[in-house]
Amino acid sequence: MEKETSYEDTLKDISDYIKFLKEQICVSEQNCKSLLNALAEKEVENKCLQDRNDELRAELEALKNDRAS
């Protein structure tokens, strides 16, 4: 009888561990989704900043050309 109990306890421990791992996977999945969303936002922000930088460089170049003439 003790072997049965030990076997059942082992199965329960394994089952509990699998549940724990599934929860950890869900948490990791949510973290990955959050990171991907943050990355997408930063990429949009970066693109806007690059566009603004290009505009300012063009303005600076125009001012340099005006001063040179």
PDB file of N, CA and C in Angstrom:
ATOM      1  N   MET A   1       0.813  -1.198   0.000  1.00  0.00           N
ATOM      2  CA  MET A   1       0.000   0.000   0.000  1.00  0.00           C
ATOM      3  C   MET A   1       0.862   1.270   0.000  1.00  0.00           C
ATOM      4  N   GLU A   2       2.005   1.174   0.646  1.00  0.00           N
ATOM      5  CA  GLU A   2       2.857   2.351   0.711  1.00  0.00           C
ATOM      6  C   GLU A   2       3.365   2.752  -0.665  1.00  0.00           C
ATOM      7  N   LYS A   3       3.647   1.775  -1.514  1.00  0.00           N
ATOM      8  CA  LYS A   3       4.094   2.099  -2.866  1.00  0.00           C
ATOM      9  C   LYS A   3       3.011   2.841  -3.622  1.00  0.00           C
ATOM     10  N   GLU A   4       1.750   2.422  -3.453  1.00  0.00           N
ATOM     11  CA  GLU A   4       0.643   3.115  -4.121  1.00  0.00           C
ATOM     12  C   GLU A   4       0.570   4.561  -3.667  1.00  0.00           C
ATOM     13  N   THR A   5       0.660   4.768  -2.388  1.00  0.00           N
ATOM     14  CA  THR A   5       0.599   6.126  -1.854  1.00  0.00           C
ATOM     15  C   THR A   5       1.766   6.948  -2.386  1.00  0.00           C
ATOM     16  N   SER A   6       2.930   6.368  -2.375  1.00  0.00           N
ATOM     17  CA  SER A   6       4.102   7.065  -2.878  1.00  0.00           C
ATOM     18  C   SER A   6       3.937   7.395  -4.362  1.00  0.00           C
ATOM     19  N   TYR A   7       3.410   6.441  -5.103  1.00  0.00           N
ATOM     20  CA  TYR A   7       3.163   6.652  -6.531  1.00  0.00           C
ATOM     21  C   TYR A   7       2.147   7.770  -6.732  1.00  0.00           C
ATOM     22  N   GLU A   8       1.065   7.741  -5.957  1.00  0.00           N
ATOM     23  CA  GLU A   8       0.036   8.783  -6.059  1.00  0.00           C
ATOM     24  C   GLU A   8       0.590  10.140  -5.649  1.00  0.00           C
ATOM     25  N   ASP A   9       1.398  10.149  -4.600  1.00  0.00           N
ATOM     26  CA  ASP A   9       2.020  11.406  -4.171  1.00  0.00           C
ATOM     27  C   ASP A   9       2.939  11.957  -5.259  1.00  0.00           C
ATOM     28  N   THR A  10       3.681  11.073  -5.871  1.00  0.00           N
ATOM     29  CA  THR A  10       4.581  11.494  -6.948  1.00  0.00           C
ATOM     30  C   THR A  10       3.786  12.057  -8.119  1.00  0.00           C
ATOM     31  N   LEU A  11       2.698  11.386  -8.474  1.00  0.00           N
ATOM     32  CA  LEU A  11       1.855  11.888  -9.566  1.00  0.00           C
ATOM     33  C   LEU A  11       1.257  13.247  -9.224  1.00  0.00           C
ATOM     34  N   LYS A  12       0.830  13.408  -7.972  1.00  0.00           N
ATOM     35  CA  LYS A  12       0.269  14.701  -7.552  1.00  0.00           C
ATOM     36  C   LYS A  12       1.344  15.785  -7.602  1.00  0.00           C
ATOM     37  N   ASP A  13       2.540  15.454  -7.138  1.00  0.00           N
ATOM     38  CA  ASP A  13       3.641  16.423  -7.191  1.00  0.00           C
ATOM     39  C   ASP A  13       3.945  16.828  -8.634  1.00  0.00           C
ATOM     40  N   ILE A  14       3.967  15.856  -9.506  1.00  0.00           N
ATOM     41  CA  ILE A  14       4.218  16.135 -10.923  1.00  0.00           C
ATOM     42  C   ILE A  14       3.104  16.997 -11.496  1.00  0.00           C
ATOM     43  N   SER A  15       1.869  16.661 -11.162  1.00  0.00           N
ATOM     44  CA  SER A  15       0.723  17.437 -11.638  1.00  0.00           C
ATOM     45  C   SER A  15       0.793  18.877 -11.134  1.00  0.00           C
ATOM     46  N   ASP A  16       1.119  19.038  -9.852  1.00  0.00           N
ATOM     47  CA  ASP A  16       1.247  20.384  -9.283  1.00  0.00           C
ATOM     48  C   ASP A  16       2.364  21.162  -9.971  1.00  0.00           C
ATOM     49  N   TYR A  17       3.458  20.490 -10.252  1.00  0.00           N
ATOM     50  CA  TYR A  17       4.582  21.153 -10.911  1.00  0.00           C
ATOM     51  C   TYR A  17       4.209  21.568 -12.333  1.00  0.00           C
ATOM     52  N   ILE A  18       3.474  20.728 -13.022  1.00  0.00           N
ATOM     53  CA  ILE A  18       3.022  21.061 -14.376  1.00  0.00           C
ATOM     54  C   ILE A  18       2.097  22.276 -14.336  1.00  0.00           C
ATOM     55  N   LYS A  19       1.202  22.325 -13.353  1.00  0.00           N
ATOM     56  CA  LYS A  19       0.331  23.504 -13.198  1.00  0.00           C
ATOM     57  C   LYS A  19       1.165  24.756 -12.957  1.00  0.00           C
ATOM     58  N   PHE A  20       2.165  24.634 -12.091  1.00  0.00           N
ATOM     59  CA  PHE A  20       3.054  25.758 -11.813  1.00  0.00           C
ATOM     60  C   PHE A  20       3.761  26.220 -13.087  1.00  0.00           C
ATOM     61  N   LEU A  21       4.277  25.271 -13.858  1.00  0.00           N
ATOM     62  CA  LEU A  21       4.970  25.622 -15.100  1.00  0.00           C
ATOM     63  C   LEU A  21       4.030  26.297 -16.092  1.00  0.00           C
ATOM     64  N   LYS A  22       2.790  25.824 -16.170  1.00  0.00           N
ATOM     65  CA  LYS A  22       1.815  26.456 -17.064  1.00  0.00           C
ATOM     66  C   LYS A  22       1.559  27.898 -16.645  1.00  0.00           C
ATOM     67  N   GLU A  23       1.463  28.130 -15.333  1.00  0.00           N
ATOM     68  CA  GLU A  23       1.280  29.498 -14.842  1.00  0.00           C
ATOM     69  C   GLU A  23       2.480  30.365 -15.204  1.00  0.00           C
ATOM     70  N   GLN A  24       3.675  29.810 -15.054  1.00  0.00           N
ATOM     71  CA  GLN A  24       4.883  30.555 -15.393  1.00  0.00           C
ATOM     72  C   GLN A  24       4.935  30.875 -16.886  1.00  0.00           C
ATOM     73  N   ILE A  25       4.485  29.945 -17.701  1.00  0.00           N
ATOM     74  CA  ILE A  25       4.441  30.173 -19.148  1.00  0.00           C
ATOM     75  C   ILE A  25       3.470  31.304 -19.463  1.00  0.00           C
ATOM     76  N   CYS A  26       2.325  31.313 -18.795  1.00  0.00           N
ATOM     77  CA  CYS A  26       1.348  32.390 -19.017  1.00  0.00           C
ATOM     78  C   CYS A  26       1.925  33.740 -18.611  1.00  0.00           C
ATOM     79  N   VAL A  27       2.610  33.776 -17.473  1.00  0.00           N
ATOM     80  CA  VAL A  27       3.233  35.019 -17.023  1.00  0.00           C
ATOM     81  C   VAL A  27       4.289  35.465 -18.033  1.00  0.00           C
ATOM     82  N   SER A  28       5.101  34.541 -18.489  1.00  0.00           N
ATOM     83  CA  SER A  28       6.132  34.867 -19.476  1.00  0.00           C
ATOM     84  C   SER A  28       5.515  35.363 -20.777  1.00  0.00           C
ATOM     85  N   GLU A  29       4.418  34.743 -21.176  1.00  0.00           N
ATOM     86  CA  GLU A  29       3.729  35.165 -22.397  1.00  0.00           C
ATOM     87  C   GLU A  29       3.223  36.597 -22.261  1.00  0.00           C
ATOM     88  N   GLN A  30       2.633  36.912 -21.109  1.00  0.00           N
ATOM     89  CA  GLN A  30       2.152  38.276 -20.885  1.00  0.00           C
ATOM     90  C   GLN A  30       3.315  39.271 -20.885  1.00  0.00           C
ATOM     91  N   ASN A  31       4.427  38.886 -20.260  1.00  0.00           N
ATOM     92  CA  ASN A  31       5.602  39.760 -20.252  1.00  0.00           C
ATOM     93  C   ASN A  31       6.128  39.990 -21.663  1.00  0.00           C
ATOM     94  N   CYS A  32       6.157  38.942 -22.461  1.00  0.00           N
ATOM     95  CA  CYS A  32       6.613  39.077 -23.854  1.00  0.00           C
ATOM     96  C   CYS A  32       5.691  40.002 -24.641  1.00  0.00           C
ATOM     97  N   LYS A  33       4.388  39.846 -24.450  1.00  0.00           N
ATOM     98  CA  LYS A  33       3.438  40.715 -25.146  1.00  0.00           C
ATOM     99  C   LYS A  33       3.635  42.168 -24.735  1.00  0.00           C
ATOM    100  N   SER A  34       3.839  42.397 -23.441  1.00  0.00           N
ATOM    101  CA  SER A  34       4.070  43.762 -22.960  1.00  0.00           C
ATOM    102  C   SER A  34       5.345  44.343 -23.556  1.00  0.00           C
ATOM    103  N   LEU A  35       6.388  43.533 -23.591  1.00  0.00           N
ATOM    104  CA  LEU A  35       7.649  44.005 -24.164  1.00  0.00           C
ATOM    105  C   LEU A  35       7.521  44.295 -25.653  1.00  0.00           C
ATOM    106  N   LEU A  36       6.783  43.460 -26.365  1.00  0.00           N
ATOM    107  CA  LEU A  36       6.578  43.697 -27.799  1.00  0.00           C
ATOM    108  C   LEU A  36       5.779  44.974 -28.032  1.00  0.00           C
ATOM    109  N   ASN A  37       4.771  45.221 -27.195  1.00  0.00           N
ATOM    110  CA  ASN A  37       3.995  46.457 -27.318  1.00  0.00           C
ATOM    111  C   ASN A  37       4.869  47.672 -27.031  1.00  0.00           C
ATOM    112  N   ALA A  38       5.685  47.582 -25.984  1.00  0.00           N
ATOM    113  CA  ALA A  38       6.579  48.690 -25.650  1.00  0.00           C
ATOM    114  C   ALA A  38       7.580  48.927 -26.779  1.00  0.00           C
ATOM    115  N   LEU A  39       8.092  47.852 -27.360  1.00  0.00           N
ATOM    116  CA  LEU A  39       9.027  47.974 -28.479  1.00  0.00           C
ATOM    117  C   LEU A  39       8.365  48.656 -29.669  1.00  0.00           C
ATOM    118  N   ALA A  40       7.138  48.267 -29.976  1.00  0.00           N
ATOM    119  CA  ALA A  40       6.420  48.881 -31.099  1.00  0.00           C
ATOM    120  C   ALA A  40       6.224  50.374 -30.855  1.00  0.00           C
ATOM    121  N   GLU A  41       5.880  50.741 -29.617  1.00  0.00           N
ATOM    122  CA  GLU A  41       5.712  52.159 -29.288  1.00  0.00           C
ATOM    123  C   GLU A  41       7.030  52.912 -29.441  1.00  0.00           C
ATOM    124  N   LYS A  42       8.119  52.308 -28.987  1.00  0.00           N
ATOM    125  CA  LYS A  42       9.432  52.959 -29.097  1.00  0.00           C
ATOM    126  C   LYS A  42       9.868  53.082 -30.552  1.00  0.00           C
ATOM    127  N   GLU A  43       9.517  52.110 -31.376  1.00  0.00           N
ATOM    128  CA  GLU A  43       9.860  52.194 -32.799  1.00  0.00           C
ATOM    129  C   GLU A  43       9.124  53.352 -33.461  1.00  0.00           C
ATOM    130  N   VAL A  44       7.854  53.545 -33.105  1.00  0.00           N
ATOM    131  CA  VAL A  44       7.086  54.670 -33.645  1.00  0.00           C
ATOM    132  C   VAL A  44       7.690  55.982 -33.155  1.00  0.00           C
ATOM    133  N   GLU A  45       7.998  56.041 -31.864  1.00  0.00           N
ATOM    134  CA  GLU A  45       8.602  57.243 -31.295  1.00  0.00           C
ATOM    135  C   GLU A  45       9.945  57.538 -31.963  1.00  0.00           C
ATOM    136  N   ASN A  46      10.744  56.515 -32.166  1.00  0.00           N
ATOM    137  CA  ASN A  46      12.040  56.676 -32.814  1.00  0.00           C
ATOM    138  C   ASN A  46      11.881  57.202 -34.237  1.00  0.00           C
ATOM    139  N   LYS A  47      10.915  56.670 -34.967  1.00  0.00           N
ATOM    140  CA  LYS A  47      10.667  57.125 -36.346  1.00  0.00           C
ATOM    141  C   LYS A  47      10.287  58.601 -36.357  1.00  0.00           C
ATOM    142  N   CYS A  48       9.427  59.002 -35.426  1.00  0.00           N
ATOM    143  CA  CYS A  48       9.039  60.418 -35.341  1.00  0.00           C
ATOM    144  C   CYS A  48      10.250  61.298 -35.037  1.00  0.00           C
ATOM    145  N   LEU A  49      11.090  60.843 -34.121  1.00  0.00           N
ATOM    146  CA  LEU A  49      12.286  61.616 -33.778  1.00  0.00           C
ATOM    147  C   LEU A  49      13.265  61.678 -34.947  1.00  0.00           C
ATOM    148  N   GLN A  50      13.395  60.593 -35.681  1.00  0.00           N
ATOM    149  CA  GLN A  50      14.271  60.603 -36.856  1.00  0.00           C
ATOM    150  C   GLN A  50      13.737  61.571 -37.915  1.00  0.00           C
ATOM    151  N   ASP A  51      12.425  61.560 -38.119  1.00  0.00           N
ATOM    152  CA  ASP A  51      11.827  62.487 -39.088  1.00  0.00           C
ATOM    153  C   ASP A  51      12.066  63.931 -38.667  1.00  0.00           C
ATOM    154  N   ARG A  52      11.881  64.212 -37.369  1.00  0.00           N
ATOM    155  CA  ARG A  52      12.098  65.573 -36.867  1.00  0.00           C
ATOM    156  C   ARG A  52      13.570  65.952 -37.002  1.00  0.00           C
ATOM    157  N   ASN A  53      14.452  65.031 -36.740  1.00  0.00           N
ATOM    158  CA  ASN A  53      15.884  65.272 -36.891  1.00  0.00           C
ATOM    159  C   ASN A  53      16.218  65.613 -38.340  1.00  0.00           C
ATOM    160  N   ASP A  54      15.632  64.887 -39.274  1.00  0.00           N
ATOM    161  CA  ASP A  54      15.849  65.175 -40.696  1.00  0.00           C
ATOM    162  C   ASP A  54      15.354  66.574 -41.052  1.00  0.00           C
ATOM    163  N   GLU A  55      14.193  66.953 -40.509  1.00  0.00           N
ATOM    164  CA  GLU A  55      13.658  68.299 -40.766  1.00  0.00           C
ATOM    165  C   GLU A  55      14.609  69.366 -40.238  1.00  0.00           C
ATOM    166  N   LEU A  56      15.100  69.172 -39.021  1.00  0.00           N
ATOM    167  CA  LEU A  56      16.006  70.156 -38.423  1.00  0.00           C
ATOM    168  C   LEU A  56      17.326  70.235 -39.184  1.00  0.00           C
ATOM    169  N   ARG A  57      17.819  69.105 -39.645  1.00  0.00           N
ATOM    170  CA  ARG A  57      19.052  69.121 -40.453  1.00  0.00           C
ATOM    171  C   ARG A  57      18.830  69.901 -41.753  1.00  0.00           C
ATOM    172  N   ALA A  58      17.666  69.702 -42.361  1.00  0.00           N
ATOM    173  CA  ALA A  58      17.359  70.424 -43.602  1.00  0.00           C
ATOM    174  C   ALA A  58      17.268  71.923 -43.332  1.00  0.00           C
ATOM    175  N   GLU A  59      16.635  72.300 -42.216  1.00  0.00           N
ATOM    176  CA  GLU A  59      16.550  73.721 -41.859  1.00  0.00           C
ATOM    177  C   GLU A  59      17.940  74.297 -41.611  1.00  0.00           C
ATOM    178  N   LEU A  60      18.776  73.558 -40.908  1.00  0.00           N
ATOM    179  CA  LEU A  60      20.133  74.015 -40.632  1.00  0.00           C
ATOM    180  C   LEU A  60      20.915  74.189 -41.926  1.00  0.00           C
ATOM    181  N   GLU A  61      20.780  73.240 -42.821  1.00  0.00           N
ATOM    182  CA  GLU A  61      21.472  73.331 -44.110  1.00  0.00           C
ATOM    183  C   GLU A  61      20.990  74.554 -44.891  1.00  0.00           C
ATOM    184  N   ALA A  62      19.685  74.809 -44.852  1.00  0.00           N
ATOM    185  CA  ALA A  62      19.137  75.978 -45.546  1.00  0.00           C
ATOM    186  C   ALA A  62      19.687  77.265 -44.936  1.00  0.00           C
ATOM    187  N   LEU A  63      19.782  77.310 -43.606  1.00  0.00           N
ATOM    188  CA  LEU A  63      20.334  78.500 -42.950  1.00  0.00           C
ATOM    189  C   LEU A  63      21.805  78.691 -43.310  1.00  0.00           C
ATOM    190  N   LYS A  64      22.550  77.604 -43.360  1.00  0.00           N
ATOM    191  CA  LYS A  64      23.961  77.695 -43.745  1.00  0.00           C
ATOM    192  C   LYS A  64      24.094  78.226 -45.166  1.00  0.00           C
ATOM    193  N   ASN A  65      23.231  77.742 -46.058  1.00  0.00           N
ATOM    194  CA  ASN A  65      23.278  78.200 -47.451  1.00  0.00           C
ATOM    195  C   ASN A  65      22.903  79.668 -47.555  1.00  0.00           C
ATOM    196  N   ASP A  66      21.917  80.116 -46.760  1.00  0.00           N
ATOM    197  CA  ASP A  66      21.527  81.532 -46.765  1.00  0.00           C
ATOM    198  C   ASP A  66      22.677  82.410 -46.273  1.00  0.00           C
ATOM    199  N   ARG A  67      23.360  81.973 -45.247  1.00  0.00           N
ATOM    200  CA  ARG A  67      24.470  82.756 -44.693  1.00  0.00           C
ATOM    201  C   ARG A  67      25.647  82.798 -45.664  1.00  0.00           C
ATOM    202  N   ALA A  68      25.827  81.723 -46.411  1.00  0.00           N
ATOM    203  CA  ALA A  68      26.951  81.657 -47.350  1.00  0.00           C
ATOM    204  C   ALA A  68      26.716  82.555 -48.559  1.00  0.00           C
ATOM    205  N   SER A  69      25.447  82.835 -48.876  1.00  0.00           N
ATOM    206  CA  SER A  69      25.194  83.643 -50.069  1.00  0.00           C
ATOM    207  C   SER A  69      25.048  85.103 -49.783  1.00  0.00           C
TER     208      SER A  69
END
